Amino acid sequence: MIIQPNSKLVIIGDSITDCDRARPIGEGLFDALGNGYVSLLDSLLTARYPAHHIRVVNMGISGNTIRDLQSRWQTDVVGLKPDWLTVFIGINDVWRHFHSPNQPEWHVPLDEYTQTLDELLQAVRPSLKGLILMTPYFIEPNTIEPMRKMMGRYGEAVRQLAEKHQAILVDTQAAFDAVLNDLHPMALAWDRVHPTRTGHMVLAIAFLQTIGYKW
């Protein structure tokens, strides 16, 4: 596995990451890491690699877009001094184009999303041992459905930034697409965005497979 022993892994994102984690810092026992994929990651890493003492910190906040990450980057990323950083953002940046069409000021255009994420990564990359970027997703098998199609463009931007910043890419859309061969979207997320426990496990498995986790 590529995450070194005694590493601090900070994971920042939106509601998919948040999942009722502790405030102000999502770290510790019981439900401090929330009830989603971050908690699953921590449990699986600790159970399989107990001697590694990997410290997982959840800094997700529900409803966040890249604009929100920019406003809290200094305190919630730089100030926490991670060895490894995971960024999982973009779903709300796209979703608000569709669920709030009459509030264009809430929409985050692709160029703004890409430029802002690029700038944030540039600011922190030199201090990191490793960087992991997770693509946004929409749990919808029809690739020409409007939101799914737009989400793909934002996901491609993340892919390009991963190459630019020598980051590891977790393709969450591909992970869900594989499961959709046998399951209906509502078995994974009632609104095709917020995962069930099974959906969170899909995210956790995709993450762990990408970092070379030994099952």
Protein backbone atom coordinates (compact mmCIF):
# COMPACT_ATOMS: atom_id res chain seq x y z
CA MET A 1 0.00 0.00 0.00
CA ILE A 2 1.34 3.40 -0.95
CA ILE A 3 0.29 5.38 2.15
CA GLN A 4 3.26 5.23 4.47
CA PRO A 5 3.09 4.23 8.15
CA ASN A 6 2.41 7.03 10.63
CA SER A 7 0.82 9.20 7.93
CA LYS A 8 -1.94 11.72 8.54
CA LEU A 9 -4.62 11.49 5.84
CA VAL A 10 -6.98 14.47 5.60
CA ILE A 11 -10.09 14.01 3.46
CA ILE A 12 -11.99 17.14 2.44
CA GLY A 13 -15.23 17.39 0.51
CA ASP A 14 -19.00 17.86 0.69
CA SER A 15 -21.90 15.88 2.19
CA ILE A 16 -20.69 12.60 0.71
CA THR A 17 -17.59 13.00 2.87
CA ASP A 18 -19.22 14.76 5.84
CA CYS A 19 -21.85 12.16 6.84
CA ASP A 20 -22.40 13.72 10.28
CA ARG A 21 -18.73 13.74 11.27
CA ALA A 22 -17.61 15.45 14.47
CA ARG A 23 -17.03 19.21 14.62
CA PRO A 24 -14.77 21.10 14.35
CA ILE A 25 -12.38 18.26 13.47
CA GLY A 26 -13.72 14.91 12.29
CA GLU A 27 -11.33 12.60 14.07
CA GLY A 28 -11.48 10.10 16.89
CA LEU A 29 -13.56 7.20 18.17
CA PHE A 30 -17.18 6.20 17.76
CA ASP A 31 -18.87 8.39 15.10
CA ALA A 32 -16.27 11.15 14.86
CA LEU A 33 -15.46 10.19 11.27
CA GLY A 34 -19.12 10.14 10.27
CA ASN A 35 -21.10 7.21 8.93
CA GLY A 36 -19.90 7.12 5.32
CA TYR A 37 -16.95 6.01 3.23
CA VAL A 38 -14.41 7.85 5.42
CA SER A 39 -15.36 5.75 8.43
CA LEU A 40 -15.21 2.61 6.30
CA LEU A 41 -11.74 3.57 5.05
CA ASP A 42 -10.49 4.15 8.57
CA SER A 43 -11.86 0.81 9.80
CA LEU A 44 -10.47 -1.17 6.89
CA LEU A 45 -7.06 0.51 7.05
CA THR A 46 -6.79 0.00 10.80
CA ALA A 47 -7.96 -3.62 10.70
CA ARG A 48 -5.66 -4.60 7.83
CA TYR A 49 -2.64 -2.44 8.71
CA PRO A 50 -2.76 -1.96 12.51
CA ALA A 51 0.98 -1.30 12.76
CA HIS A 52 0.79 1.55 10.24
CA HIS A 53 -1.05 3.88 12.62
CA ILE A 54 -2.62 5.85 9.78
CA ARG A 55 -4.43 8.90 11.15
CA VAL A 56 -7.62 9.70 9.20
CA VAL A 57 -9.29 13.11 9.49
CA ASN A 58 -12.68 13.92 7.96
CA MET A 59 -13.13 17.57 6.91
CA GLY A 60 -16.20 17.24 4.72
CA ILE A 61 -19.02 19.81 5.01
CA SER A 62 -22.45 19.21 3.52
CA GLY A 63 -23.41 21.48 0.65
CA ASN A 64 -19.88 22.57 -0.14
CA THR A 65 -18.66 23.52 -3.59
CA ILE A 66 -15.13 24.36 -4.65
CA ARG A 67 -15.84 27.95 -3.57
CA ASP A 68 -16.41 26.77 -0.01
CA LEU A 69 -13.22 24.71 -0.03
CA GLN A 70 -11.33 27.79 -1.16
CA SER A 71 -12.69 29.80 1.79
CA ARG A 72 -11.59 27.20 4.37
CA TRP A 73 -8.49 25.75 2.70
CA GLN A 74 -6.02 27.44 5.03
CA THR A 75 -7.63 26.21 8.25
CA ASP A 76 -9.05 22.88 7.13
CA VAL A 77 -6.18 21.68 4.96
CA VAL A 78 -2.96 23.68 5.30
CA GLY A 79 -3.41 24.23 9.03
CA LEU A 80 -3.91 20.52 9.68
CA LYS A 81 -0.55 19.67 8.06
CA PRO A 82 -1.55 16.44 6.31
CA ASP A 83 0.98 14.00 4.93
CA TRP A 84 -1.64 12.78 2.48
CA LEU A 85 -4.61 14.78 1.23
CA THR A 86 -7.77 13.55 -0.49
CA VAL A 87 -10.05 16.03 -2.27
CA PHE A 88 -13.54 14.93 -3.27
CA ILE A 89 -15.55 17.92 -4.55
CA GLY A 90 -17.68 18.84 -7.54
CA ILE A 91 -21.08 17.20 -7.13
CA ASN A 92 -22.74 20.34 -5.75
CA ASP A 93 -20.92 22.48 -8.30
CA VAL A 94 -22.82 20.55 -10.98
CA TRP A 95 -26.02 19.71 -9.09
CA ARG A 96 -26.93 23.34 -8.44
CA HIS A 97 -27.19 23.96 -12.17
CA PHE A 98 -30.11 21.52 -12.12
CA HIS A 99 -31.85 21.77 -8.75
CA SER A 100 -31.58 25.57 -8.60
CA PRO A 101 -31.81 26.71 -12.24
CA ASN A 102 -33.15 30.15 -11.30
CA GLN A 103 -30.21 30.99 -9.03
CA PRO A 104 -27.27 31.24 -11.45
CA GLU A 105 -25.11 32.82 -8.77
CA TRP A 106 -25.10 29.39 -7.05
CA HIS A 107 -23.79 27.63 -10.16
CA VAL A 108 -20.05 26.97 -10.43
CA PRO A 109 -18.95 27.00 -14.08
CA LEU A 110 -16.45 24.41 -15.23
CA ASP A 111 -13.69 26.95 -15.85
CA GLU A 112 -14.05 28.39 -12.34
CA TYR A 113 -14.14 24.93 -10.81
CA THR A 114 -11.01 23.85 -12.65
CA GLN A 115 -9.03 27.02 -12.02
CA THR A 116 -9.90 27.18 -8.32
CA LEU A 117 -9.08 23.53 -7.69
CA ASP A 118 -5.84 23.92 -9.60
CA GLU A 119 -4.83 26.91 -7.48
CA LEU A 120 -5.67 25.15 -4.22
CA LEU A 121 -3.63 22.10 -5.20
CA GLN A 122 -0.68 24.24 -6.25
CA ALA A 123 -0.69 25.87 -2.83
CA VAL A 124 -0.50 22.62 -0.87
CA ARG A 125 1.13 20.05 -3.17
CA PRO A 126 4.79 20.78 -2.22
CA SER A 127 4.09 19.99 1.45
CA LEU A 128 2.42 16.63 0.79
CA LYS A 129 3.80 13.14 0.59
CA GLY A 130 0.85 12.19 -1.54
CA LEU A 131 -2.32 13.58 -3.11
CA ILE A 132 -5.51 11.69 -4.01
CA LEU A 133 -8.25 13.22 -6.16
CA MET A 134 -11.70 11.64 -6.39
CA THR A 135 -13.91 12.44 -9.37
CA PRO A 136 -17.45 13.69 -8.82
CA TYR A 137 -20.16 11.25 -9.89
CA PHE A 138 -23.84 10.90 -10.72
CA ILE A 139 -25.34 7.44 -10.23
CA GLU A 140 -27.12 7.29 -13.56
CA PRO A 141 -26.42 4.70 -16.29
CA ASN A 142 -27.61 6.94 -19.13
CA THR A 143 -24.42 8.77 -20.12
CA ILE A 144 -26.28 11.38 -22.17
CA GLU A 145 -28.63 12.36 -19.34
CA PRO A 146 -27.86 16.10 -18.85
CA MET A 147 -26.53 16.01 -15.30
CA ARG A 148 -24.56 12.82 -15.91
CA LYS A 149 -23.07 14.39 -19.05
CA MET A 150 -22.05 17.58 -17.24
CA MET A 151 -20.65 15.59 -14.32
CA GLY A 152 -18.44 13.77 -16.79
CA ARG A 153 -16.88 17.05 -17.90
CA TYR A 154 -16.08 18.01 -14.30
CA GLY A 155 -14.70 14.53 -13.73
CA GLU A 156 -12.44 14.92 -16.76
CA ALA A 157 -11.14 18.18 -15.31
CA VAL A 158 -10.22 16.32 -12.13
CA ARG A 159 -8.47 13.66 -14.21
CA GLN A 160 -6.37 16.30 -15.98
CA LEU A 161 -5.48 18.00 -12.69
CA ALA A 162 -4.45 14.64 -11.25
CA GLU A 163 -1.96 14.27 -14.09
CA LYS A 164 -0.72 17.83 -13.66
CA HIS A 165 -0.16 17.53 -9.92
CA GLN A 166 1.07 13.92 -9.93
CA ALA A 167 -1.92 12.83 -7.91
CA ILE A 168 -3.60 9.45 -7.62
CA LEU A 169 -7.02 9.43 -9.27
CA VAL A 170 -10.01 7.55 -7.84
CA ASP A 171 -12.58 7.29 -10.63
CA THR A 172 -15.75 7.08 -8.58
CA GLN A 173 -17.99 7.33 -11.63
CA ALA A 174 -16.38 4.22 -13.12
CA ALA A 175 -16.79 2.42 -9.79
CA PHE A 176 -20.52 3.13 -9.70
CA ASP A 177 -20.95 2.36 -13.40
CA ALA A 178 -19.58 -1.13 -12.81
CA VAL A 179 -22.10 -1.80 -10.05
CA LEU A 180 -24.94 -0.36 -12.14
CA ASN A 181 -24.60 -3.34 -14.46
CA ASP A 182 -26.53 -5.30 -11.81
CA LEU A 183 -28.19 -2.76 -9.52
CA HIS A 184 -30.69 0.05 -9.99
CA PRO A 185 -29.41 3.53 -9.04
CA MET A 186 -31.87 3.72 -6.15
CA ALA A 187 -30.19 0.70 -4.57
CA LEU A 188 -27.08 2.87 -4.28
CA ALA A 189 -28.54 6.33 -3.64
CA TRP A 190 -32.18 7.39 -3.42
CA ASP A 191 -31.44 10.66 -5.26
CA ARG A 192 -28.58 9.25 -7.34
CA VAL A 193 -26.14 11.34 -5.27
CA HIS A 194 -26.23 10.56 -1.53
CA PRO A 195 -25.14 6.93 -1.15
CA THR A 196 -26.67 4.15 0.86
CA ARG A 197 -24.29 2.10 3.01
CA THR A 198 -23.64 -0.03 -0.06
CA GLY A 199 -22.89 3.06 -2.11
CA HIS A 200 -20.39 4.25 0.48
CA MET A 201 -18.76 0.84 0.37
CA VAL A 202 -18.40 1.19 -3.41
CA LEU A 203 -16.51 4.44 -2.79
CA ALA A 204 -14.35 2.89 -0.07
CA ILE A 205 -13.42 -0.11 -2.24
CA ALA A 206 -12.57 2.11 -5.20
CA PHE A 207 -10.33 4.24 -2.97
CA LEU A 208 -8.56 1.27 -1.40
CA GLN A 209 -8.01 -0.52 -4.70
CA THR A 210 -6.41 2.62 -6.11
CA ILE A 211 -3.90 2.93 -3.26
CA GLY A 212 -2.82 -0.71 -3.42
CA TYR A 213 -4.67 -2.02 -0.37
CA LYS A 214 -4.03 -5.73 0.19
CA TRP A 215 -7.26 -7.53 0.97
